[in-house]
Protein backbone atom coordinates (compact mmCIF):
# COMPACT_ATOMS: atom_id res chain seq x y z
CA MET A 1 82.62 92.83 97.78
CA ALA A 2 79.70 94.93 96.64
CA ASP A 3 77.43 91.85 96.68
CA HIS A 4 78.13 91.49 100.40
CA GLY A 5 77.98 95.18 101.32
CA ILE A 6 81.74 95.45 101.92
CA LEU A 7 83.60 98.63 101.04
CA PRO A 8 87.23 98.38 99.91
CA SER A 9 89.74 99.92 102.32
CA VAL A 10 92.13 101.15 99.64
CA GLY A 11 91.61 103.48 96.74
CA ARG A 12 93.25 103.56 93.36
CA THR A 13 95.24 100.69 91.91
CA GLY A 14 98.97 101.39 91.87
CA SER A 15 98.92 104.20 94.41
CA CYS A 16 101.35 103.35 97.20
CA TYR A 17 99.93 106.13 99.37
CA ASP A 18 96.56 104.39 99.65
CA ASN A 19 98.14 101.38 101.33
CA ALA A 20 101.32 102.82 102.85
CA ALA A 21 101.08 101.04 106.22
CA ALA A 22 100.72 97.60 104.65
CA GLU A 23 103.50 98.28 102.14
CA SER A 24 105.81 99.42 104.92
CA PHE A 25 105.04 96.33 107.00
CA ASN A 26 105.68 94.02 104.03
CA ALA A 27 108.99 95.72 103.27
CA ILE A 28 110.20 95.37 106.87
CA LEU A 29 109.02 91.76 107.06
CA LYS A 30 110.97 90.87 103.93
CA LYS A 31 114.08 92.78 105.02
CA GLU A 32 114.20 91.55 108.62
CA LEU A 33 112.95 87.97 108.22
CA VAL A 34 112.33 86.50 104.80
CA ASN A 35 115.39 87.72 102.90
CA ARG A 36 117.74 86.49 105.65
CA LYS A 37 116.76 82.82 105.35
CA VAL A 38 116.60 80.04 102.83
CA TYR A 39 113.40 78.06 103.22
CA PRO A 40 113.34 74.41 102.13
CA THR A 41 109.65 74.64 101.17
CA HIS A 42 106.94 77.22 100.66
CA ASN A 43 105.13 75.85 103.73
CA HIS A 44 108.19 76.48 105.92
CA ALA A 45 108.21 80.11 104.84
CA ILE A 46 104.49 80.48 105.54
CA ARG A 47 104.90 78.98 109.01
CA ASP A 48 107.80 81.30 109.81
CA VAL A 49 105.90 84.41 108.76
CA THR A 50 102.61 83.49 110.44
CA ALA A 51 103.99 82.07 113.68
């Protein structure tokens, strides 16, 4: 990142407070969508989440 002049958007490793919005989104996505289905392949799961 530094080679390209990009600054990281999160701080310390392991601190949930630095990335709370993303962690909350991931938890809801898993609870409401992913954990309620059985996907036949990894690609099916990716398509479902990104559609």
